[in-house]
Structures are given as C-alpha cells and as structure tokens.
Amino acid sequence: MINAAILRPENVDPLTDLWASVILRAVLDAHSTSEQREERHARRRARIWLEGRTEDFRIVCALAGFDPDFIRDGWASGRITPERLTLKGRRMESAA
C-alpha cells in the first residue's frame, strides 16, 4: 500500500501537477477494462510505458517530482492503482 508515499506539497507548481496528471492518466489507461479497440490500444501503450525504462518516462517522472524507479516498482507490485491514487486540488496522493 502506498498510503503517504505519493504526497504532493500544497504549494506544488501547476506544471508539476500537469506532469503528475500524465502519470495518473497512464495508470488509469493501464487499468482500463474497455474492449473498444482504441482503449485496448491505449491500455497496451500505457502498460508498456509504465513498465519500460524509456527516456520520456524518466523525464515525465522528473518533471512530476517522482523517482522513476519508485513509480515503475509501485506499478509492477500493484501498489500504484487508480483506486489508490487521486488528484485532490494540488496534491497527488493515495486514496487509501
């Protein structure tokens, strides 16, 4: 369980929130259960992105203020899920 592992300070820059939203969107897409062709494709791309070690993944994590290994390992272990992550105001935090 992440619990307080992903907490954003109240005074986070809006651009940092934007990049955190990119990570959240990838997690949401990766957990999609839709069988529509476009959403299946988005699910596959999101899973590849979250599991990979691409430069763009590292850049997005850095811009969001996260360690890419923490995000990747949290995703792989099941600690990072849509149910456990929410965006509340200017904070990305665990819902648990």
PDB file of N, CA and C in Angstrom:
ATOM      1  N   MET A   1       0.825  -1.182   0.000  1.00  0.00           N
ATOM      2  CA  MET A   1       0.000   0.000   0.000  1.00  0.00           C
ATOM      3  C   MET A   1       0.874   1.252   0.000  1.00  0.00           C
ATOM      4  N   ILE A   2       0.531   2.226  -0.809  1.00  0.00           N
ATOM      5  CA  ILE A   2       1.331   3.444  -0.890  1.00  0.00           C
ATOM      6  C   ILE A   2       1.132   4.302   0.343  1.00  0.00           C
ATOM      7  N   ASN A   3      -0.106   4.438   0.756  1.00  0.00           N
ATOM      8  CA  ASN A   3      -0.501   5.323   1.842  1.00  0.00           C
ATOM      9  C   ASN A   3       0.059   6.715   1.605  1.00  0.00           C
ATOM     10  N   ALA A   4       1.041   7.139   2.357  1.00  0.00           N
ATOM     11  CA  ALA A   4       1.540   8.504   2.205  1.00  0.00           C
ATOM     12  C   ALA A   4       2.769   8.577   1.316  1.00  0.00           C
ATOM     13  N   ALA A   5       3.025   7.547   0.549  1.00  0.00           N
ATOM     14  CA  ALA A   5       4.241   7.523  -0.256  1.00  0.00           C
ATOM     15  C   ALA A   5       4.215   8.528  -1.391  1.00  0.00           C
ATOM     16  N   ILE A   6       3.033   8.827  -1.933  1.00  0.00           N
ATOM     17  CA  ILE A   6       2.949   9.805  -3.012  1.00  0.00           C
ATOM     18  C   ILE A   6       2.138  10.982  -2.499  1.00  0.00           C
ATOM     19  N   LEU A   7       2.804  11.917  -1.898  1.00  0.00           N
ATOM     20  CA  LEU A   7       2.146  13.124  -1.401  1.00  0.00           C
ATOM     21  C   LEU A   7       2.748  14.327  -2.096  1.00  0.00           C
ATOM     22  N   ARG A   8       1.918  15.214  -2.506  1.00  0.00           N
ATOM     23  CA  ARG A   8       2.368  16.439  -3.146  1.00  0.00           C
ATOM     24  C   ARG A   8       2.190  17.577  -2.150  1.00  0.00           C
ATOM     25  N   PRO A   9       3.192  18.402  -1.979  1.00  0.00           N
ATOM     26  CA  PRO A   9       3.037  19.565  -1.112  1.00  0.00           C
ATOM     27  C   PRO A   9       1.941  20.487  -1.634  1.00  0.00           C
ATOM     28  N   GLU A  10       1.348  21.228  -0.737  1.00  0.00           N
ATOM     29  CA  GLU A  10       0.253  22.129  -1.109  1.00  0.00           C
ATOM     30  C   GLU A  10       0.682  23.180  -2.123  1.00  0.00           C
ATOM     31  N   ASN A  11       1.931  23.586  -2.105  1.00  0.00           N
ATOM     32  CA  ASN A  11       2.390  24.675  -2.971  1.00  0.00           C
ATOM     33  C   ASN A  11       3.091  24.179  -4.233  1.00  0.00           C
ATOM     34  N   VAL A  12       2.682  23.040  -4.738  1.00  0.00           N
ATOM     35  CA  VAL A  12       3.299  22.485  -5.945  1.00  0.00           C
ATOM     36  C   VAL A  12       2.981  23.367  -7.144  1.00  0.00           C
ATOM     37  N   ASP A  13       3.969  23.534  -7.974  1.00  0.00           N
ATOM     38  CA  ASP A  13       3.824  24.296  -9.204  1.00  0.00           C
ATOM     39  C   ASP A  13       2.779  23.639 -10.110  1.00  0.00           C
ATOM     40  N   PRO A  14       1.945  24.426 -10.792  1.00  0.00           N
ATOM     41  CA  PRO A  14       0.937  23.843 -11.688  1.00  0.00           C
ATOM     42  C   PRO A  14       1.529  22.940 -12.767  1.00  0.00           C
ATOM     43  N   LEU A  15       2.730  23.243 -13.235  1.00  0.00           N
ATOM     44  CA  LEU A  15       3.357  22.377 -14.240  1.00  0.00           C
ATOM     45  C   LEU A  15       3.734  21.020 -13.652  1.00  0.00           C
ATOM     46  N   THR A  16       4.138  21.018 -12.395  1.00  0.00           N
ATOM     47  CA  THR A  16       4.427  19.750 -11.723  1.00  0.00           C
ATOM     48  C   THR A  16       3.158  18.920 -11.631  1.00  0.00           C
ATOM     49  N   ASP A  17       2.042  19.563 -11.298  1.00  0.00           N
ATOM     50  CA  ASP A  17       0.749  18.870 -11.261  1.00  0.00           C
ATOM     51  C   ASP A  17       0.375  18.320 -12.633  1.00  0.00           C
ATOM     52  N   LEU A  18       0.667  19.082 -13.671  1.00  0.00           N
ATOM     53  CA  LEU A  18       0.367  18.625 -15.027  1.00  0.00           C
ATOM     54  C   LEU A  18       1.094  17.315 -15.318  1.00  0.00           C
ATOM     55  N   TRP A  19       2.378  17.254 -14.995  1.00  0.00           N
ATOM     56  CA  TRP A  19       3.151  16.043 -15.262  1.00  0.00           C
ATOM     57  C   TRP A  19       2.721  14.894 -14.362  1.00  0.00           C
ATOM     58  N   ALA A  20       2.323  15.192 -13.123  1.00  0.00           N
ATOM     59  CA  ALA A  20       1.774  14.139 -12.252  1.00  0.00           C
ATOM     60  C   ALA A  20       0.485  13.590 -12.851  1.00  0.00           C
ATOM     61  N   SER A  21      -0.283  14.453 -13.503  1.00  0.00           N
ATOM     62  CA  SER A  21      -1.517  14.013 -14.162  1.00  0.00           C
ATOM     63  C   SER A  21      -1.230  13.075 -15.328  1.00  0.00           C
ATOM     64  N   VAL A  22      -0.100  13.272 -15.994  1.00  0.00           N
ATOM     65  CA  VAL A  22       0.291  12.369 -17.087  1.00  0.00           C
ATOM     66  C   VAL A  22       0.517  10.962 -16.530  1.00  0.00           C
ATOM     67  N   ILE A  23       1.177  10.875 -15.385  1.00  0.00           N
ATOM     68  CA  ILE A  23       1.402   9.571 -14.754  1.00  0.00           C
ATOM     69  C   ILE A  23       0.074   8.954 -14.330  1.00  0.00           C
ATOM     70  N   LEU A  24      -0.786   9.751 -13.718  1.00  0.00           N
ATOM     71  CA  LEU A  24      -2.100   9.252 -13.305  1.00  0.00           C
ATOM     72  C   LEU A  24      -2.896   8.769 -14.508  1.00  0.00           C
ATOM     73  N   ARG A  25      -2.867   9.515 -15.615  1.00  0.00           N
ATOM     74  CA  ARG A  25      -3.592   9.106 -16.825  1.00  0.00           C
ATOM     75  C   ARG A  25      -3.075   7.761 -17.331  1.00  0.00           C
ATOM     76  N   ALA A  26      -1.759   7.572 -17.288  1.00  0.00           N
ATOM     77  CA  ALA A  26      -1.192   6.292 -17.725  1.00  0.00           C
ATOM     78  C   ALA A  26      -1.679   5.153 -16.841  1.00  0.00           C
ATOM     79  N   VAL A  27      -1.741   5.387 -15.537  1.00  0.00           N
ATOM     80  CA  VAL A  27      -2.233   4.355 -14.617  1.00  0.00           C
ATOM     81  C   VAL A  27      -3.701   4.055 -14.901  1.00  0.00           C
ATOM     82  N   LEU A  28      -4.493   5.096 -15.124  1.00  0.00           N
ATOM     83  CA  LEU A  28      -5.914   4.888 -15.447  1.00  0.00           C
ATOM     84  C   LEU A  28      -6.072   4.115 -16.751  1.00  0.00           C
ATOM     85  N   ASP A  29      -5.320   4.504 -17.774  1.00  0.00           N
ATOM     86  CA  ASP A  29      -5.389   3.800 -19.063  1.00  0.00           C
ATOM     87  C   ASP A  29      -4.943   2.346 -18.922  1.00  0.00           C
ATOM     88  N   ALA A  30      -3.893   2.118 -18.155  1.00  0.00           N
ATOM     89  CA  ALA A  30      -3.365   0.762 -17.988  1.00  0.00           C
ATOM     90  C   ALA A  30      -4.353  -0.161 -17.290  1.00  0.00           C
ATOM     91  N   HIS A  31      -5.233   0.410 -16.493  1.00  0.00           N
ATOM     92  CA  HIS A  31      -6.227  -0.386 -15.766  1.00  0.00           C
ATOM     93  C   HIS A  31      -7.581  -0.436 -16.464  1.00  0.00           C
ATOM     94  N   SER A  32      -7.688   0.162 -17.614  1.00  0.00           N
ATOM     95  CA  SER A  32      -8.959   0.163 -18.341  1.00  0.00           C
ATOM     96  C   SER A  32      -9.394  -1.267 -18.653  1.00  0.00           C
ATOM     97  N   THR A  33     -10.692  -1.505 -18.542  1.00  0.00           N
ATOM     98  CA  THR A  33     -11.237  -2.828 -18.881  1.00  0.00           C
ATOM     99  C   THR A  33     -12.060  -2.777 -20.158  1.00  0.00           C
ATOM    100  N   SER A  34     -12.079  -1.625 -20.800  1.00  0.00           N
ATOM    101  CA  SER A  34     -12.847  -1.476 -22.034  1.00  0.00           C
ATOM    102  C   SER A  34     -12.279  -2.375 -23.123  1.00  0.00           C
ATOM    103  N   GLU A  35     -13.152  -2.908 -23.932  1.00  0.00           N
ATOM    104  CA  GLU A  35     -12.721  -3.742 -25.051  1.00  0.00           C
ATOM    105  C   GLU A  35     -12.799  -2.991 -26.378  1.00  0.00           C
ATOM    106  N   GLN A  36     -13.090  -1.689 -26.328  1.00  0.00           N
ATOM    107  CA  GLN A  36     -13.075  -0.902 -27.555  1.00  0.00           C
ATOM    108  C   GLN A  36     -11.635  -0.837 -28.063  1.00  0.00           C
ATOM    109  N   ARG A  37     -11.505  -0.916 -29.361  1.00  0.00           N
ATOM    110  CA  ARG A  37     -10.183  -1.000 -29.991  1.00  0.00           C
ATOM    111  C   ARG A  37      -9.235   0.108 -29.540  1.00  0.00           C
ATOM    112  N   GLU A  38      -9.696   1.338 -29.573  1.00  0.00           N
ATOM    113  CA  GLU A  38      -8.838   2.468 -29.212  1.00  0.00           C
ATOM    114  C   GLU A  38      -8.402   2.388 -27.745  1.00  0.00           C
ATOM    115  N   GLU A  39      -9.307   1.992 -26.871  1.00  0.00           N
ATOM    116  CA  GLU A  39      -8.964   1.905 -25.450  1.00  0.00           C
ATOM    117  C   GLU A  39      -8.061   0.710 -25.149  1.00  0.00           C
ATOM    118  N   ARG A  40      -8.221  -0.374 -25.885  1.00  0.00           N
ATOM    119  CA  ARG A  40      -7.299  -1.512 -25.735  1.00  0.00           C
ATOM    120  C   ARG A  40      -5.889  -1.085 -26.132  1.00  0.00           C
ATOM    121  N   HIS A  41      -5.816  -0.311 -27.211  1.00  0.00           N
ATOM    122  CA  HIS A  41      -4.522   0.194 -27.675  1.00  0.00           C
ATOM    123  C   HIS A  41      -3.910   1.131 -26.626  1.00  0.00           C
ATOM    124  N   ALA A  42      -4.720   2.023 -26.054  1.00  0.00           N
ATOM    125  CA  ALA A  42      -4.238   2.936 -25.010  1.00  0.00           C
ATOM    126  C   ALA A  42      -3.777   2.153 -23.781  1.00  0.00           C
ATOM    127  N   ARG A  43      -4.503   1.099 -23.429  1.00  0.00           N
ATOM    128  CA  ARG A  43      -4.134   0.263 -22.280  1.00  0.00           C
ATOM    129  C   ARG A  43      -2.763  -0.386 -22.518  1.00  0.00           C
ATOM    130  N   ARG A  44      -2.580  -0.930 -23.696  1.00  0.00           N
ATOM    131  CA  ARG A  44      -1.309  -1.588 -24.029  1.00  0.00           C
ATOM    132  C   ARG A  44      -0.151  -0.588 -24.008  1.00  0.00           C
ATOM    133  N   ARG A  45      -0.361   0.584 -24.627  1.00  0.00           N
ATOM    134  CA  ARG A  45       0.692   1.615 -24.645  1.00  0.00           C
ATOM    135  C   ARG A  45       1.038   2.078 -23.231  1.00  0.00           C
ATOM    136  N   ALA A  46       0.008   2.278 -22.395  1.00  0.00           N
ATOM    137  CA  ALA A  46       0.241   2.743 -21.023  1.00  0.00           C
ATOM    138  C   ALA A  46       1.030   1.712 -20.223  1.00  0.00           C
ATOM    139  N   ARG A  47       0.683   0.450 -20.382  1.00  0.00           N
ATOM    140  CA  ARG A  47       1.404  -0.605 -19.651  1.00  0.00           C
ATOM    141  C   ARG A  47       2.856  -0.690 -20.099  1.00  0.00           C
ATOM    142  N   ILE A  48       3.080  -0.598 -21.381  1.00  0.00           N
ATOM    143  CA  ILE A  48       4.454  -0.615 -21.896  1.00  0.00           C
ATOM    144  C   ILE A  48       5.231   0.575 -21.341  1.00  0.00           C
ATOM    145  N   TRP A  49       4.604   1.737 -21.325  1.00  0.00           N
ATOM    146  CA  TRP A  49       5.261   2.954 -20.840  1.00  0.00           C
ATOM    147  C   TRP A  49       5.590   2.834 -19.352  1.00  0.00           C
ATOM    148  N   LEU A  50       4.629   2.365 -18.551  1.00  0.00           N
ATOM    149  CA  LEU A  50       4.846   2.239 -17.108  1.00  0.00           C
ATOM    150  C   LEU A  50       5.887   1.171 -16.766  1.00  0.00           C
ATOM    151  N   GLU A  51       5.987   0.153 -17.584  1.00  0.00           N
ATOM    152  CA  GLU A  51       6.916  -0.950 -17.312  1.00  0.00           C
ATOM    153  C   GLU A  51       8.298  -0.724 -17.922  1.00  0.00           C
ATOM    154  N   GLY A  52       8.395   0.221 -18.828  1.00  0.00           N
ATOM    155  CA  GLY A  52       9.641   0.426 -19.548  1.00  0.00           C
ATOM    156  C   GLY A  52      10.620   1.327 -18.838  1.00  0.00           C
ATOM    157  N   ARG A  53      11.724   1.507 -19.491  1.00  0.00           N
ATOM    158  CA  ARG A  53      12.773   2.384 -18.965  1.00  0.00           C
ATOM    159  C   ARG A  53      13.127   3.439 -20.014  1.00  0.00           C
ATOM    160  N   THR A  54      12.095   3.999 -20.616  1.00  0.00           N
ATOM    161  CA  THR A  54      12.317   4.964 -21.684  1.00  0.00           C
ATOM    162  C   THR A  54      12.729   6.317 -21.124  1.00  0.00           C
ATOM    163  N   GLU A  55      13.396   7.067 -21.968  1.00  0.00           N
ATOM    164  CA  GLU A  55      13.815   8.413 -21.585  1.00  0.00           C
ATOM    165  C   GLU A  55      12.609   9.298 -21.291  1.00  0.00           C
ATOM    166  N   ASP A  56      11.538   9.178 -22.086  1.00  0.00           N
ATOM    167  CA  ASP A  56      10.378  10.033 -21.840  1.00  0.00           C
ATOM    168  C   ASP A  56       9.713   9.694 -20.505  1.00  0.00           C
ATOM    169  N   PHE A  57       9.709   8.427 -20.095  1.00  0.00           N
ATOM    170  CA  PHE A  57       9.169   8.058 -18.783  1.00  0.00           C
ATOM    171  C   PHE A  57       9.989   8.725 -17.683  1.00  0.00           C
ATOM    172  N   ARG A  58      11.308   8.653 -17.801  1.00  0.00           N
ATOM    173  CA  ARG A  58      12.178   9.276 -16.794  1.00  0.00           C
ATOM    174  C   ARG A  58      11.977  10.788 -16.746  1.00  0.00           C
ATOM    175  N   ILE A  59      11.821  11.407 -17.904  1.00  0.00           N
ATOM    176  CA  ILE A  59      11.619  12.857 -17.951  1.00  0.00           C
ATOM    177  C   ILE A  59      10.295  13.235 -17.304  1.00  0.00           C
ATOM    178  N   VAL A  60       9.221  12.523 -17.651  1.00  0.00           N
ATOM    179  CA  VAL A  60       7.906  12.826 -17.072  1.00  0.00           C
ATOM    180  C   VAL A  60       7.952  12.658 -15.555  1.00  0.00           C
ATOM    181  N   CYS A  61       8.552  11.583 -15.081  1.00  0.00           N
ATOM    182  CA  CYS A  61       8.661  11.382 -13.632  1.00  0.00           C
ATOM    183  C   CYS A  61       9.436  12.524 -12.977  1.00  0.00           C
ATOM    184  N   ALA A  62      10.541  12.916 -13.585  1.00  0.00           N
ATOM    185  CA  ALA A  62      11.343  14.013 -13.030  1.00  0.00           C
ATOM    186  C   ALA A  62      10.544  15.309 -12.993  1.00  0.00           C
ATOM    187  N   LEU A  63       9.833  15.608 -14.067  1.00  0.00           N
ATOM    188  CA  LEU A  63       9.037  16.835 -14.113  1.00  0.00           C
ATOM    189  C   LEU A  63       7.884  16.802 -13.119  1.00  0.00           C
ATOM    190  N   ALA A  64       7.416  15.588 -12.781  1.00  0.00           N
ATOM    191  CA  ALA A  64       6.344  15.435 -11.793  1.00  0.00           C
ATOM    192  C   ALA A  64       6.900  15.363 -10.372  1.00  0.00           C
ATOM    193  N   GLY A  65       8.220  15.313 -10.248  1.00  0.00           N
ATOM    194  CA  GLY A  65       8.841  15.264  -8.930  1.00  0.00           C
ATOM    195  C   GLY A  65       8.912  13.873  -8.322  1.00  0.00           C
ATOM    196  N   PHE A  66       8.890  12.837  -9.166  1.00  0.00           N
ATOM    197  CA  PHE A  66       8.926  11.462  -8.682  1.00  0.00           C
ATOM    198  C   PHE A  66      10.166  10.735  -9.176  1.00  0.00           C
ATOM    199  N   ASP A  67      10.618   9.780  -8.406  1.00  0.00           N
ATOM    200  CA  ASP A  67      11.684   8.881  -8.818  1.00  0.00           C
ATOM    201  C   ASP A  67      11.066   7.860  -9.776  1.00  0.00           C
ATOM    202  N   PRO A  68      11.592   7.728 -10.999  1.00  0.00           N
ATOM    203  CA  PRO A  68      11.003   6.783 -11.951  1.00  0.00           C
ATOM    204  C   PRO A  68      11.010   5.343 -11.451  1.00  0.00           C
ATOM    205  N   ASP A  69      12.039   4.954 -10.696  1.00  0.00           N
ATOM    206  CA  ASP A  69      12.076   3.592 -10.156  1.00  0.00           C
ATOM    207  C   ASP A  69      10.952   3.375  -9.146  1.00  0.00           C
ATOM    208  N   PHE A  70      10.653   4.390  -8.349  1.00  0.00           N
ATOM    209  CA  PHE A  70       9.561   4.292  -7.381  1.00  0.00           C
ATOM    210  C   PHE A  70       8.230   4.079  -8.102  1.00  0.00           C
ATOM    211  N   ILE A  71       7.990   4.856  -9.157  1.00  0.00           N
ATOM    212  CA  ILE A  71       6.744   4.724  -9.917  1.00  0.00           C
ATOM    213  C   ILE A  71       6.698   3.362 -10.608  1.00  0.00           C
ATOM    214  N   ARG A  72       7.756   2.985 -11.281  1.00  0.00           N
ATOM    215  CA  ARG A  72       7.795   1.702 -12.000  1.00  0.00           C
ATOM    216  C   ARG A  72       7.613   0.532 -11.040  1.00  0.00           C
ATOM    217  N   ASP A  73       8.347   0.546  -9.915  1.00  0.00           N
ATOM    218  CA  ASP A  73       8.242  -0.544  -8.943  1.00  0.00           C
ATOM    219  C   ASP A  73       6.865  -0.575  -8.288  1.00  0.00           C
ATOM    220  N   GLY A  74       6.311   0.595  -8.012  1.00  0.00           N
ATOM    221  CA  GLY A  74       4.965   0.660  -7.436  1.00  0.00           C
ATOM    222  C   GLY A  74       3.923   0.115  -8.385  1.00  0.00           C
ATOM    223  N   TRP A  75       4.082   0.417  -9.664  1.00  0.00           N
ATOM    224  CA  TRP A  75       3.169  -0.121 -10.680  1.00  0.00           C
ATOM    225  C   TRP A  75       3.317  -1.639 -10.763  1.00  0.00           C
ATOM    226  N   ALA A  76       4.550  -2.118 -10.851  1.00  0.00           N
ATOM    227  CA  ALA A  76       4.806  -3.556 -11.011  1.00  0.00           C
ATOM    228  C   ALA A  76       4.305  -4.361  -9.813  1.00  0.00           C
ATOM    229  N   SER A  77       4.380  -3.785  -8.626  1.00  0.00           N
ATOM    230  CA  SER A  77       3.969  -4.504  -7.415  1.00  0.00           C
ATOM    231  C   SER A  77       2.474  -4.369  -7.127  1.00  0.00           C
ATOM    232  N   GLY A  78       1.789  -3.510  -7.879  1.00  0.00           N
ATOM    233  CA  GLY A  78       0.361  -3.311  -7.645  1.00  0.00           C
ATOM    234  C   GLY A  78       0.043  -2.272  -6.585  1.00  0.00           C
ATOM    235  N   ARG A  79       1.070  -1.587  -6.061  1.00  0.00           N
ATOM    236  CA  ARG A  79       0.824  -0.544  -5.057  1.00  0.00           C
ATOM    237  C   ARG A  79       0.257   0.715  -5.689  1.00  0.00           C
ATOM    238  N   ILE A  80       0.557   0.943  -6.949  1.00  0.00           N
ATOM    239  CA  ILE A  80       0.049   2.123  -7.641  1.00  0.00           C
ATOM    240  C   ILE A  80      -1.090   1.676  -8.543  1.00  0.00           C
ATOM    241  N   THR A  81      -2.306   2.038  -8.146  1.00  0.00           N
ATOM    242  CA  THR A  81      -3.519   1.695  -8.888  1.00  0.00           C
ATOM    243  C   THR A  81      -4.414   2.922  -8.940  1.00  0.00           C
ATOM    244  N   PRO A  82      -5.383   2.957  -9.858  1.00  0.00           N
ATOM    245  CA  PRO A  82      -6.299   4.098  -9.906  1.00  0.00           C
ATOM    246  C   PRO A  82      -7.065   4.280  -8.602  1.00  0.00           C
ATOM    247  N   GLU A  83      -7.394   3.170  -7.945  1.00  0.00           N
ATOM    248  CA  GLU A  83      -8.153   3.256  -6.702  1.00  0.00           C
ATOM    249  C   GLU A  83      -7.343   3.886  -5.576  1.00  0.00           C
ATOM    250  N   ARG A  84      -6.051   3.765  -5.656  1.00  0.00           N
ATOM    251  CA  ARG A  84      -5.190   4.285  -4.595  1.00  0.00           C
ATOM    252  C   ARG A  84      -4.643   5.675  -4.884  1.00  0.00           C
ATOM    253  N   LEU A  85      -4.810   6.131  -6.101  1.00  0.00           N
ATOM    254  CA  LEU A  85      -4.304   7.459  -6.456  1.00  0.00           C
ATOM    255  C   LEU A  85      -5.452   8.373  -6.822  1.00  0.00           C
ATOM    256  N   THR A  86      -5.389   9.566  -6.345  1.00  0.00           N
ATOM    257  CA  THR A  86      -6.352  10.591  -6.739  1.00  0.00           C
ATOM    258  C   THR A  86      -5.614  11.913  -6.850  1.00  0.00           C
ATOM    259  N   LEU A  87      -6.188  12.799  -7.613  1.00  0.00           N
ATOM    260  CA  LEU A  87      -5.671  14.169  -7.642  1.00  0.00           C
ATOM    261  C   LEU A  87      -6.657  15.016  -6.861  1.00  0.00           C
ATOM    262  N   LYS A  88      -6.189  15.630  -5.806  1.00  0.00           N
ATOM    263  CA  LYS A  88      -7.040  16.466  -4.966  1.00  0.00           C
ATOM    264  C   LYS A  88      -6.415  17.850  -4.918  1.00  0.00           C
ATOM    265  N   GLY A  89      -7.061  18.780  -5.557  1.00  0.00           N
ATOM    266  CA  GLY A  89      -6.508  20.120  -5.585  1.00  0.00           C
ATOM    267  C   GLY A  89      -5.138  20.084  -6.214  1.00  0.00           C
ATOM    268  N   ARG A  90      -4.138  20.435  -5.454  1.00  0.00           N
ATOM    269  CA  ARG A  90      -2.771  20.453  -5.967  1.00  0.00           C
ATOM    270  C   ARG A  90      -1.953  19.302  -5.417  1.00  0.00           C
ATOM    271  N   ARG A  91      -2.622  18.229  -4.985  1.00  0.00           N
ATOM    272  CA  ARG A  91      -1.870  17.109  -4.422  1.00  0.00           C
ATOM    273  C   ARG A  91      -2.242  15.820  -5.137  1.00  0.00           C
ATOM    274  N   MET A  92      -1.243  15.031  -5.452  1.00  0.00           N
ATOM    275  CA  MET A  92      -1.464  13.675  -5.931  1.00  0.00           C
ATOM    276  C   MET A  92      -1.184  12.801  -4.730  1.00  0.00           C
ATOM    277  N   GLU A  93      -2.183  12.055  -4.288  1.00  0.00           N
ATOM    278  CA  GLU A  93      -1.984  11.309  -3.061  1.00  0.00           C
ATOM    279  C   GLU A  93      -2.710   9.986  -3.101  1.00  0.00           C
ATOM    280  N   SER A  94      -2.387   9.173  -2.161  1.00  0.00           N
ATOM    281  CA  SER A  94      -3.047   7.886  -2.027  1.00  0.00           C
ATOM    282  C   SER A  94      -4.454   8.101  -1.511  1.00  0.00           C
ATOM    283  N   ALA A  95      -5.403   7.381  -2.091  1.00  0.00           N
ATOM    284  CA  ALA A  95      -6.783   7.459  -1.618  1.00  0.00           C
ATOM    285  C   ALA A  95      -6.994   6.532  -0.437  1.00  0.00           C
ATOM    286  N   ALA A  96      -6.068   5.636  -0.187  1.00  0.00           N
ATOM    287  CA  ALA A  96      -6.211   4.651   0.895  1.00  0.00           C
ATOM    288  C   ALA A  96      -5.909   5.248   2.246  1.00  0.00           C
TER     289      ALA A  96
END
